[in-house]
All heavy atoms as atom14 arrays in JSON, in Angstrom:
{
  "sequence": "NNADWLDELAYIPLLREIGRHFTINRMLTFDSVKLRLEREQPLTFLEF",
  "atom14_mask": [
    [1, 1, 1, 1, 1, 1, 1, 1, 0, 0, 0, 0, 0, 0],
    [1, 1, 1, 1, 1, 1, 1, 1, 0, 0, 0, 0, 0, 0],
    [1, 1, 1, 1, 1, 0, 0, 0, 0, 0, 0, 0, 0, 0],
    [1, 1, 1, 1, 1, 1, 1, 1, 0, 0, 0, 0, 0, 0],
    [1, 1, 1, 1, 1, 1, 1, 1, 1, 1, 1, 1, 1, 1],
    [1, 1, 1, 1, 1, 1, 1, 1, 0, 0, 0, 0, 0, 0],
    [1, 1, 1, 1, 1, 1, 1, 1, 0, 0, 0, 0, 0, 0],
    [1, 1, 1, 1, 1, 1, 1, 1, 1, 0, 0, 0, 0, 0],
    [1, 1, 1, 1, 1, 1, 1, 1, 0, 0, 0, 0, 0, 0],
    [1, 1, 1, 1, 1, 0, 0, 0, 0, 0, 0, 0, 0, 0],
    [1, 1, 1, 1, 1, 1, 1, 1, 1, 1, 1, 1, 0, 0],
    [1, 1, 1, 1, 1, 1, 1, 1, 0, 0, 0, 0, 0, 0],
    [1, 1, 1, 1, 1, 1, 1, 0, 0, 0, 0, 0, 0, 0],
    [1, 1, 1, 1, 1, 1, 1, 1, 0, 0, 0, 0, 0, 0],
    [1, 1, 1, 1, 1, 1, 1, 1, 0, 0, 0, 0, 0, 0],
    [1, 1, 1, 1, 1, 1, 1, 1, 1, 1, 1, 0, 0, 0],
    [1, 1, 1, 1, 1, 1, 1, 1, 1, 0, 0, 0, 0, 0],
    [1, 1, 1, 1, 1, 1, 1, 1, 0, 0, 0, 0, 0, 0],
    [1, 1, 1, 1, 0, 0, 0, 0, 0, 0, 0, 0, 0, 0],
    [1, 1, 1, 1, 1, 1, 1, 1, 1, 1, 1, 0, 0, 0],
    [1, 1, 1, 1, 1, 1, 1, 1, 1, 1, 0, 0, 0, 0],
    [1, 1, 1, 1, 1, 1, 1, 1, 1, 1, 1, 0, 0, 0],
    [1, 1, 1, 1, 1, 1, 1, 0, 0, 0, 0, 0, 0, 0],
    [1, 1, 1, 1, 1, 1, 1, 1, 0, 0, 0, 0, 0, 0],
    [1, 1, 1, 1, 1, 1, 1, 1, 0, 0, 0, 0, 0, 0],
    [1, 1, 1, 1, 1, 1, 1, 1, 1, 1, 1, 0, 0, 0],
    [1, 1, 1, 1, 1, 1, 1, 1, 0, 0, 0, 0, 0, 0],
    [1, 1, 1, 1, 1, 1, 1, 1, 0, 0, 0, 0, 0, 0],
    [1, 1, 1, 1, 1, 1, 1, 0, 0, 0, 0, 0, 0, 0],
    [1, 1, 1, 1, 1, 1, 1, 1, 1, 1, 1, 0, 0, 0],
    [1, 1, 1, 1, 1, 1, 1, 1, 0, 0, 0, 0, 0, 0],
    [1, 1, 1, 1, 1, 1, 0, 0, 0, 0, 0, 0, 0, 0],
    [1, 1, 1, 1, 1, 1, 1, 0, 0, 0, 0, 0, 0, 0],
    [1, 1, 1, 1, 1, 1, 1, 1, 1, 0, 0, 0, 0, 0],
    [1, 1, 1, 1, 1, 1, 1, 1, 0, 0, 0, 0, 0, 0],
    [1, 1, 1, 1, 1, 1, 1, 1, 1, 1, 1, 0, 0, 0],
    [1, 1, 1, 1, 1, 1, 1, 1, 0, 0, 0, 0, 0, 0],
    [1, 1, 1, 1, 1, 1, 1, 1, 1, 0, 0, 0, 0, 0],
    [1, 1, 1, 1, 1, 1, 1, 1, 1, 1, 1, 0, 0, 0],
    [1, 1, 1, 1, 1, 1, 1, 1, 1, 0, 0, 0, 0, 0],
    [1, 1, 1, 1, 1, 1, 1, 1, 1, 0, 0, 0, 0, 0],
    [1, 1, 1, 1, 1, 1, 1, 0, 0, 0, 0, 0, 0, 0],
    [1, 1, 1, 1, 1, 1, 1, 1, 0, 0, 0, 0, 0, 0],
    [1, 1, 1, 1, 1, 1, 1, 0, 0, 0, 0, 0, 0, 0],
    [1, 1, 1, 1, 1, 1, 1, 1, 1, 1, 1, 0, 0, 0],
    [1, 1, 1, 1, 1, 1, 1, 1, 0, 0, 0, 0, 0, 0],
    [1, 1, 1, 1, 1, 1, 1, 1, 1, 0, 0, 0, 0, 0],
    [1, 1, 1, 1, 1, 1, 1, 1, 1, 1, 1, 0, 0, 0]
  ],
  "atom14_positions": [
    [[98.63, 93.64, 143.65], [99.79, 93.66, 142.77], [99.81, 94.98, 142.02], [98.87, 95.31, 141.31], [99.7, 92.49, 141.78], [100.96, 92.32, 140.95], [101.75, 93.25, 140.78], [101.16, 91.12, 140.41], [0.0, 0.0, 0.0], [0.0, 0.0, 0.0], [0.0, 0.0, 0.0], [0.0, 0.0, 0.0], [0.0, 0.0, 0.0], [0.0, 0.0, 0.0]],
    [[100.89, 95.76, 142.19], [100.9, 97.07, 141.54], [101.03, 96.99, 140.02], [100.86, 98.0, 139.33], [101.96, 98.01, 142.13], [103.39, 97.53, 141.96], [103.7, 96.64, 141.19], [104.3, 98.18, 142.7], [0.0, 0.0, 0.0], [0.0, 0.0, 0.0], [0.0, 0.0, 0.0], [0.0, 0.0, 0.0], [0.0, 0.0, 0.0], [0.0, 0.0, 0.0]],
    [[101.29, 95.8, 139.49], [101.27, 95.64, 138.03], [99.86, 95.89, 137.48], [99.71, 96.25, 136.31], [101.75, 94.25, 137.63], [0.0, 0.0, 0.0], [0.0, 0.0, 0.0], [0.0, 0.0, 0.0], [0.0, 0.0, 0.0], [0.0, 0.0, 0.0], [0.0, 0.0, 0.0], [0.0, 0.0, 0.0], [0.0, 0.0, 0.0], [0.0, 0.0, 0.0]],
    [[98.83, 95.7, 138.34], [97.45, 95.9, 137.9], [97.21, 97.32, 137.4], [96.37, 97.55, 136.54], [96.47, 95.58, 139.03], [96.46, 94.1, 139.39], [96.98, 93.29, 138.6], [95.94, 93.75, 140.47], [0.0, 0.0, 0.0], [0.0, 0.0, 0.0], [0.0, 0.0, 0.0], [0.0, 0.0, 0.0], [0.0, 0.0, 0.0], [0.0, 0.0, 0.0]],
    [[97.93, 98.29, 137.96], [97.75, 99.67, 137.47], [99.0, 100.23, 136.79], [98.89, 100.96, 135.83], [97.31, 100.61, 138.6], [98.16, 100.6, 139.84], [99.3, 101.32, 140.07], [97.91, 99.88, 141.05], [99.79, 101.06, 141.32], [98.94, 100.19, 141.95], [96.89, 99.01, 141.45], [99.01, 99.66, 143.23], [96.96, 98.47, 142.73], [98.01, 98.81, 143.6]],
    [[100.19, 99.82, 137.22], [101.4, 100.36, 136.61], [101.55, 99.89, 135.16], [102.03, 100.64, 134.31], [102.64, 99.97, 137.42], [102.75, 100.55, 138.83], [104.07, 100.14, 139.47], [102.63, 102.07, 138.82], [0.0, 0.0, 0.0], [0.0, 0.0, 0.0], [0.0, 0.0, 0.0], [0.0, 0.0, 0.0], [0.0, 0.0, 0.0], [0.0, 0.0, 0.0]],
    [[101.16, 98.64, 134.89], [101.27, 98.13, 133.52], [100.33, 98.86, 132.56], [100.54, 98.8, 131.35], [100.97, 96.63, 133.48], [102.12, 95.78, 134.0], [103.15, 96.36, 134.38], [101.97, 94.54, 134.04], [0.0, 0.0, 0.0], [0.0, 0.0, 0.0], [0.0, 0.0, 0.0], [0.0, 0.0, 0.0], [0.0, 0.0, 0.0], [0.0, 0.0, 0.0]],
    [[99.32, 99.51, 133.09], [98.34, 100.19, 132.25], [98.67, 101.66, 132.01], [97.97, 102.33, 131.25], [96.94, 100.08, 132.88], [96.46, 98.65, 133.14], [96.41, 97.82, 131.87], [95.94, 98.37, 130.85], [96.84, 96.66, 131.88], [0.0, 0.0, 0.0], [0.0, 0.0, 0.0], [0.0, 0.0, 0.0], [0.0, 0.0, 0.0], [0.0, 0.0, 0.0]],
    [[99.69, 102.17, 132.67], [100.01, 103.59, 132.55], [100.52, 103.93, 131.16], [101.32, 103.2, 130.57], [101.06, 103.99, 133.58], [100.61, 104.05, 135.04], [101.81, 104.38, 135.93], [99.52, 105.08, 135.24], [0.0, 0.0, 0.0], [0.0, 0.0, 0.0], [0.0, 0.0, 0.0], [0.0, 0.0, 0.0], [0.0, 0.0, 0.0], [0.0, 0.0, 0.0]],
    [[100.05, 105.04, 130.64], [100.57, 105.58, 129.38], [101.64, 106.62, 129.7], [101.48, 107.43, 130.61], [99.44, 106.19, 128.56], [0.0, 0.0, 0.0], [0.0, 0.0, 0.0], [0.0, 0.0, 0.0], [0.0, 0.0, 0.0], [0.0, 0.0, 0.0], [0.0, 0.0, 0.0], [0.0, 0.0, 0.0], [0.0, 0.0, 0.0], [0.0, 0.0, 0.0]],
    [[102.72, 106.59, 128.96], [103.9, 107.38, 129.3], [103.62, 108.89, 129.33], [103.93, 109.56, 130.32], [105.04, 107.06, 128.34], [106.37, 107.67, 128.73], [106.95, 107.36, 129.95], [107.03, 108.55, 127.89], [108.17, 107.9, 130.32], [108.25, 109.09, 128.23], [108.81, 108.76, 129.46], [110.03, 109.3, 129.82], [0.0, 0.0, 0.0], [0.0, 0.0, 0.0]],
    [[103.05, 109.42, 128.27], [102.83, 110.86, 128.2], [101.86, 111.35, 129.28], [102.16, 112.32, 129.98], [102.36, 111.28, 126.79], [103.42, 110.92, 125.74], [102.04, 112.77, 126.74], [104.76, 111.59, 125.96], [0.0, 0.0, 0.0], [0.0, 0.0, 0.0], [0.0, 0.0, 0.0], [0.0, 0.0, 0.0], [0.0, 0.0, 0.0], [0.0, 0.0, 0.0]],
    [[100.7, 110.69, 129.46], [99.82, 111.1, 130.56], [100.49, 111.02, 131.93], [100.26, 111.87, 132.8], [98.64, 110.13, 130.46], [98.6, 109.74, 129.02], [100.05, 109.67, 128.6], [0.0, 0.0, 0.0], [0.0, 0.0, 0.0], [0.0, 0.0, 0.0], [0.0, 0.0, 0.0], [0.0, 0.0, 0.0], [0.0, 0.0, 0.0], [0.0, 0.0, 0.0]],
    [[101.34, 110.0, 132.14], [102.06, 109.9, 133.4], [102.97, 111.11, 133.61], [103.01, 111.68, 134.7], [102.89, 108.6, 133.44], [103.78, 108.41, 134.68], [102.93, 108.21, 135.94], [104.74, 107.24, 134.51], [0.0, 0.0, 0.0], [0.0, 0.0, 0.0], [0.0, 0.0, 0.0], [0.0, 0.0, 0.0], [0.0, 0.0, 0.0], [0.0, 0.0, 0.0]],
    [[103.71, 111.48, 132.58], [104.58, 112.63, 132.69], [103.79, 113.9, 132.99], [104.18, 114.71, 133.83], [105.37, 112.81, 131.39], [106.45, 111.76, 131.06], [107.1, 112.09, 129.73], [107.49, 111.67, 132.16], [0.0, 0.0, 0.0], [0.0, 0.0, 0.0], [0.0, 0.0, 0.0], [0.0, 0.0, 0.0], [0.0, 0.0, 0.0], [0.0, 0.0, 0.0]],
    [[102.65, 114.07, 132.31], [101.87, 115.29, 132.47], [101.15, 115.35, 133.82], [101.14, 116.39, 134.48], [100.83, 115.39, 131.34], [101.43, 115.78, 130.0], [100.35, 115.75, 128.91], [99.24, 116.65, 129.2], [99.19, 117.92, 128.86], [100.21, 118.46, 128.24], [98.13, 118.68, 129.16], [0.0, 0.0, 0.0], [0.0, 0.0, 0.0], [0.0, 0.0, 0.0]],
    [[100.57, 114.22, 134.23], [99.74, 114.22, 135.42], [100.53, 113.99, 136.71], [100.17, 114.51, 137.77], [98.64, 113.16, 135.28], [97.67, 113.45, 134.13], [96.75, 112.28, 133.85], [96.61, 111.42, 134.75], [96.18, 112.2, 132.74], [0.0, 0.0, 0.0], [0.0, 0.0, 0.0], [0.0, 0.0, 0.0], [0.0, 0.0, 0.0], [0.0, 0.0, 0.0]],
    [[101.57, 113.19, 136.63], [102.32, 112.82, 137.83], [103.7, 113.48, 137.85], [104.14, 114.0, 138.88], [102.47, 111.29, 137.94], [101.09, 110.62, 137.9], [103.22, 110.92, 139.21], [100.14, 111.05, 139.0], [0.0, 0.0, 0.0], [0.0, 0.0, 0.0], [0.0, 0.0, 0.0], [0.0, 0.0, 0.0], [0.0, 0.0, 0.0], [0.0, 0.0, 0.0]],
    [[104.39, 113.44, 136.72], [105.76, 113.94, 136.66], [105.92, 115.39, 137.06], [106.94, 115.79, 137.63], [0.0, 0.0, 0.0], [0.0, 0.0, 0.0], [0.0, 0.0, 0.0], [0.0, 0.0, 0.0], [0.0, 0.0, 0.0], [0.0, 0.0, 0.0], [0.0, 0.0, 0.0], [0.0, 0.0, 0.0], [0.0, 0.0, 0.0], [0.0, 0.0, 0.0]],
    [[104.89, 116.2, 136.82], [104.99, 117.63, 137.15], [105.04, 117.89, 138.66], [105.38, 119.0, 139.08], [103.83, 118.39, 136.51], [102.43, 117.98, 137.03], [101.34, 118.61, 136.17], [100.01, 118.2, 136.59], [99.26, 118.86, 137.44], [99.74, 119.97, 138.0], [98.06, 118.42, 137.77], [0.0, 0.0, 0.0], [0.0, 0.0, 0.0], [0.0, 0.0, 0.0]],
    [[104.7, 116.87, 139.47], [104.75, 117.04, 140.92], [106.12, 116.69, 141.51], [106.31, 116.77, 142.72], [103.68, 116.17, 141.58], [102.28, 116.56, 141.23], [101.72, 117.77, 141.59], [101.31, 115.89, 140.53], [100.47, 117.84, 141.14], [100.19, 116.71, 140.49], [0.0, 0.0, 0.0], [0.0, 0.0, 0.0], [0.0, 0.0, 0.0], [0.0, 0.0, 0.0]],
    [[107.05, 116.27, 140.67], [108.38, 115.89, 141.14], [109.43, 116.8, 140.52], [109.4, 117.07, 139.32], [108.69, 114.43, 140.76], [107.84, 113.42, 141.46], [106.56, 113.13, 140.99], [108.3, 112.76, 142.58], [105.76, 112.2, 141.64], [107.51, 111.83, 143.23], [106.24, 111.56, 142.77], [0.0, 0.0, 0.0], [0.0, 0.0, 0.0], [0.0, 0.0, 0.0]],
    [[110.37, 117.27, 141.32], [111.48, 118.06, 140.8], [112.76, 117.23, 140.84], [113.0, 116.48, 141.79], [111.7, 119.35, 141.61], [112.14, 119.01, 142.94], [110.41, 120.16, 141.69], [0.0, 0.0, 0.0], [0.0, 0.0, 0.0], [0.0, 0.0, 0.0], [0.0, 0.0, 0.0], [0.0, 0.0, 0.0], [0.0, 0.0, 0.0], [0.0, 0.0, 0.0]],
    [[113.57, 117.38, 139.81], [114.85, 116.68, 139.77], [115.72, 117.13, 140.94], [116.43, 116.32, 141.55], [115.57, 116.96, 138.43], [114.76, 116.39, 137.26], [116.97, 116.34, 138.45], [114.6, 114.89, 137.27], [0.0, 0.0, 0.0], [0.0, 0.0, 0.0], [0.0, 0.0, 0.0], [0.0, 0.0, 0.0], [0.0, 0.0, 0.0], [0.0, 0.0, 0.0]],
    [[115.64, 118.42, 141.29], [116.44, 118.95, 142.39], [116.22, 118.13, 143.66], [117.17, 117.73, 144.34], [116.07, 120.41, 142.66], [115.97, 121.25, 141.41], [115.15, 120.96, 140.53], [116.77, 122.32, 141.35], [0.0, 0.0, 0.0], [0.0, 0.0, 0.0], [0.0, 0.0, 0.0], [0.0, 0.0, 0.0], [0.0, 0.0, 0.0], [0.0, 0.0, 0.0]],
    [[114.93, 117.91, 143.97], [114.62, 117.19, 145.2], [114.92, 115.7, 145.08], [115.38, 115.08, 146.05], [113.15, 117.4, 145.54], [112.78, 116.8, 146.88], [111.6, 117.5, 147.5], [111.12, 116.75, 148.64], [110.05, 115.96, 148.63], [109.33, 115.86, 147.54], [109.68, 115.3, 149.7], [0.0, 0.0, 0.0], [0.0, 0.0, 0.0], [0.0, 0.0, 0.0]],
    [[114.67, 115.12, 143.93], [114.93, 113.69, 143.75], [116.4, 113.37, 143.93], [116.77, 112.31, 144.41], [114.43, 113.24, 142.38], [112.91, 113.27, 142.24], [112.32, 113.02, 140.54], [112.59, 111.26, 140.34], [0.0, 0.0, 0.0], [0.0, 0.0, 0.0], [0.0, 0.0, 0.0], [0.0, 0.0, 0.0], [0.0, 0.0, 0.0], [0.0, 0.0, 0.0]],
    [[117.27, 114.32, 143.57], [118.71, 114.11, 143.71], [119.17, 114.15, 145.16], [120.28, 113.73, 145.47], [119.47, 115.18, 142.91], [119.4, 115.07, 141.38], [120.07, 116.28, 140.73], [120.06, 113.79, 140.9], [0.0, 0.0, 0.0], [0.0, 0.0, 0.0], [0.0, 0.0, 0.0], [0.0, 0.0, 0.0], [0.0, 0.0, 0.0], [0.0, 0.0, 0.0]],
    [[118.32, 114.62, 146.07], [118.69, 114.69, 147.48], [118.45, 113.39, 148.23], [118.95, 113.22, 149.34], [117.93, 115.81, 148.21], [116.54, 115.48, 148.27], [118.12, 117.15, 147.51], [0.0, 0.0, 0.0], [0.0, 0.0, 0.0], [0.0, 0.0, 0.0], [0.0, 0.0, 0.0], [0.0, 0.0, 0.0], [0.0, 0.0, 0.0], [0.0, 0.0, 0.0]],
    [[117.69, 112.46, 147.64], [117.37, 111.23, 148.35], [118.57, 110.28, 148.36], [119.34, 110.2, 147.4], [116.16, 110.54, 147.72], [114.88, 111.27, 147.97], [114.15, 111.81, 146.94], [114.4, 111.44, 149.25], [112.98, 112.49, 147.17], [113.22, 112.12, 149.49], [112.51, 112.65, 148.46], [0.0, 0.0, 0.0], [0.0, 0.0, 0.0], [0.0, 0.0, 0.0]],
    [[118.73, 109.58, 149.48], [119.89, 108.72, 149.67], [120.04, 107.68, 148.55], [121.16, 107.36, 148.14], [119.81, 108.0, 151.02], [120.06, 108.94, 152.18], [120.64, 110.03, 151.96], [119.68, 108.59, 153.32], [0.0, 0.0, 0.0], [0.0, 0.0, 0.0], [0.0, 0.0, 0.0], [0.0, 0.0, 0.0], [0.0, 0.0, 0.0], [0.0, 0.0, 0.0]],
    [[118.91, 107.13, 148.08], [118.97, 106.09, 147.06], [119.66, 106.58, 145.8], [120.27, 105.81, 145.06], [117.56, 105.6, 146.72], [116.75, 106.65, 146.24], [0.0, 0.0, 0.0], [0.0, 0.0, 0.0], [0.0, 0.0, 0.0], [0.0, 0.0, 0.0], [0.0, 0.0, 0.0], [0.0, 0.0, 0.0], [0.0, 0.0, 0.0], [0.0, 0.0, 0.0]],
    [[119.54, 107.88, 145.53], [120.19, 108.49, 144.37], [121.58, 108.99, 144.73], [122.56, 108.73, 144.04], [119.34, 109.65, 143.81], [120.07, 110.35, 142.67], [117.98, 109.13, 143.34], [0.0, 0.0, 0.0], [0.0, 0.0, 0.0], [0.0, 0.0, 0.0], [0.0, 0.0, 0.0], [0.0, 0.0, 0.0], [0.0, 0.0, 0.0], [0.0, 0.0, 0.0]],
    [[121.67, 109.72, 145.85], [122.94, 110.34, 146.25], [124.06, 109.32, 146.4], [125.19, 109.55, 145.97], [122.76, 111.1, 147.57], [122.44, 112.51, 147.45], [122.63, 113.34, 148.68], [122.26, 112.66, 149.97], [122.37, 113.59, 151.14], [0.0, 0.0, 0.0], [0.0, 0.0, 0.0], [0.0, 0.0, 0.0], [0.0, 0.0, 0.0], [0.0, 0.0, 0.0]],
    [[123.77, 108.19, 147.04], [124.81, 107.2, 147.29], [125.41, 106.66, 146.0], [126.62, 106.48, 145.9], [124.25, 106.05, 148.14], [123.97, 106.36, 149.6], [123.33, 105.21, 150.3], [125.23, 106.69, 150.32], [0.0, 0.0, 0.0], [0.0, 0.0, 0.0], [0.0, 0.0, 0.0], [0.0, 0.0, 0.0], [0.0, 0.0, 0.0], [0.0, 0.0, 0.0]],
    [[124.55, 106.39, 145.03], [125.04, 105.91, 143.74], [125.96, 106.95, 143.09], [127.03, 106.63, 142.57], [123.88, 105.58, 142.81], [123.13, 104.33, 143.11], [123.82, 103.1, 142.54], [122.92, 101.97, 142.66], [122.08, 101.56, 141.72], [122.05, 102.17, 140.56], [121.28, 100.55, 141.93], [0.0, 0.0, 0.0], [0.0, 0.0, 0.0], [0.0, 0.0, 0.0]],
    [[125.5, 108.19, 143.08], [126.25, 109.24, 142.41], [127.57, 109.53, 143.13], [128.6, 109.72, 142.49], [125.41, 110.52, 142.33], [124.11, 110.4, 141.52], [123.36, 111.72, 141.51], [124.38, 109.92, 140.1], [0.0, 0.0, 0.0], [0.0, 0.0, 0.0], [0.0, 0.0, 0.0], [0.0, 0.0, 0.0], [0.0, 0.0, 0.0], [0.0, 0.0, 0.0]],
    [[127.54, 109.55, 144.48], [128.75, 109.8, 145.25], [129.79, 108.72, 145.04], [130.99, 108.98, 145.05], [128.41, 109.93, 146.73], [127.67, 111.21, 147.08], [127.19, 111.22, 148.52], [127.39, 110.19, 149.23], [126.61, 112.24, 148.95], [0.0, 0.0, 0.0], [0.0, 0.0, 0.0], [0.0, 0.0, 0.0], [0.0, 0.0, 0.0], [0.0, 0.0, 0.0]],
    [[129.33, 107.49, 144.85], [130.24, 106.37, 144.63], [130.57, 106.16, 143.17], [131.25, 105.21, 142.81], [129.63, 105.08, 145.21], [129.41, 105.12, 146.72], [128.65, 103.92, 147.2], [128.41, 103.97, 148.63], [127.68, 103.08, 149.3], [127.12, 102.08, 148.66], [127.51, 103.2, 150.62], [0.0, 0.0, 0.0], [0.0, 0.0, 0.0], [0.0, 0.0, 0.0]],
    [[130.06, 107.07, 142.33], [130.28, 107.01, 140.88], [129.82, 105.68, 140.3], [130.42, 105.13, 139.37], [131.76, 107.28, 140.54], [132.22, 108.67, 140.96], [133.64, 108.97, 140.55], [134.32, 108.04, 140.04], [134.09, 110.11, 140.73], [0.0, 0.0, 0.0], [0.0, 0.0, 0.0], [0.0, 0.0, 0.0], [0.0, 0.0, 0.0], [0.0, 0.0, 0.0]],
    [[128.73, 105.17, 140.87], [128.08, 103.97, 140.36], [126.95, 104.4, 139.43], [126.28, 105.41, 139.67], [127.51, 103.12, 141.5], [128.53, 102.6, 142.49], [129.34, 101.45, 141.95], [129.0, 100.87, 140.93], [130.41, 101.09, 142.65], [0.0, 0.0, 0.0], [0.0, 0.0, 0.0], [0.0, 0.0, 0.0], [0.0, 0.0, 0.0], [0.0, 0.0, 0.0]],
    [[126.71, 103.65, 138.36], [125.65, 104.05, 137.42], [124.26, 103.94, 138.04], [123.97, 103.0, 138.78], [125.81, 103.06, 136.26], [126.52, 101.87, 136.85], [127.41, 102.41, 137.91], [0.0, 0.0, 0.0], [0.0, 0.0, 0.0], [0.0, 0.0, 0.0], [0.0, 0.0, 0.0], [0.0, 0.0, 0.0], [0.0, 0.0, 0.0], [0.0, 0.0, 0.0]],
    [[123.43, 104.9, 137.75], [122.02, 104.9, 138.13], [121.23, 105.1, 136.85], [121.25, 106.18, 136.26], [121.71, 106.01, 139.13], [120.24, 106.12, 139.56], [119.85, 104.95, 140.44], [119.98, 107.43, 140.31], [0.0, 0.0, 0.0], [0.0, 0.0, 0.0], [0.0, 0.0, 0.0], [0.0, 0.0, 0.0], [0.0, 0.0, 0.0], [0.0, 0.0, 0.0]],
    [[120.56, 104.07, 136.4], [119.86, 104.15, 135.13], [118.6, 105.02, 135.24], [118.04, 105.2, 136.32], [119.46, 102.75, 134.62], [118.45, 102.2, 135.49], [120.66, 101.82, 134.56], [0.0, 0.0, 0.0], [0.0, 0.0, 0.0], [0.0, 0.0, 0.0], [0.0, 0.0, 0.0], [0.0, 0.0, 0.0], [0.0, 0.0, 0.0], [0.0, 0.0, 0.0]],
    [[118.18, 105.52, 134.11], [116.94, 106.28, 134.07], [115.76, 105.41, 134.5], [114.82, 105.89, 135.11], [116.71, 106.82, 132.65], [115.46, 107.64, 132.51], [115.34, 108.88, 133.12], [114.38, 107.16, 131.79], [114.18, 109.62, 133.0], [113.21, 107.89, 131.66], [113.11, 109.13, 132.28], [0.0, 0.0, 0.0], [0.0, 0.0, 0.0], [0.0, 0.0, 0.0]],
    [[115.85, 104.12, 134.18], [114.82, 103.18, 134.6], [114.68, 103.2, 136.12], [113.58, 103.36, 136.66], [115.19, 101.77, 134.11], [114.23, 100.63, 134.45], [112.93, 100.77, 133.68], [114.87, 99.27, 134.16], [0.0, 0.0, 0.0], [0.0, 0.0, 0.0], [0.0, 0.0, 0.0], [0.0, 0.0, 0.0], [0.0, 0.0, 0.0], [0.0, 0.0, 0.0]],
    [[115.8, 103.05, 136.84], [115.78, 103.05, 138.3], [115.37, 104.41, 138.87], [114.73, 104.48, 139.92], [117.15, 102.66, 138.85], [117.58, 101.24, 138.55], [118.99, 101.0, 139.01], [119.92, 101.57, 138.38], [119.19, 100.28, 139.98], [0.0, 0.0, 0.0], [0.0, 0.0, 0.0], [0.0, 0.0, 0.0], [0.0, 0.0, 0.0], [0.0, 0.0, 0.0]],
    [[115.77, 105.47, 138.19], [115.46, 106.81, 138.65], [113.95, 107.03, 138.75], [113.48, 107.82, 139.57], [116.09, 107.83, 137.71], [116.13, 109.23, 138.25], [116.86, 109.54, 139.38], [115.44, 110.24, 137.62], [116.89, 110.83, 139.89], [115.47, 111.54, 138.11], [116.2, 111.83, 139.25], [0.0, 0.0, 0.0], [0.0, 0.0, 0.0], [0.0, 0.0, 0.0]]
  ]
}
């Protein structure tokens, strides 16, 4: 169950250690994001 480790994550360390490996530019190219935006459907920061 991924809750075993995801529930334990601290926000700031996650941003520093993991977030720096992801670019918004590239994340916007994925279909899961593009389709929502193209259809003008809301995509929450939570889902992002």
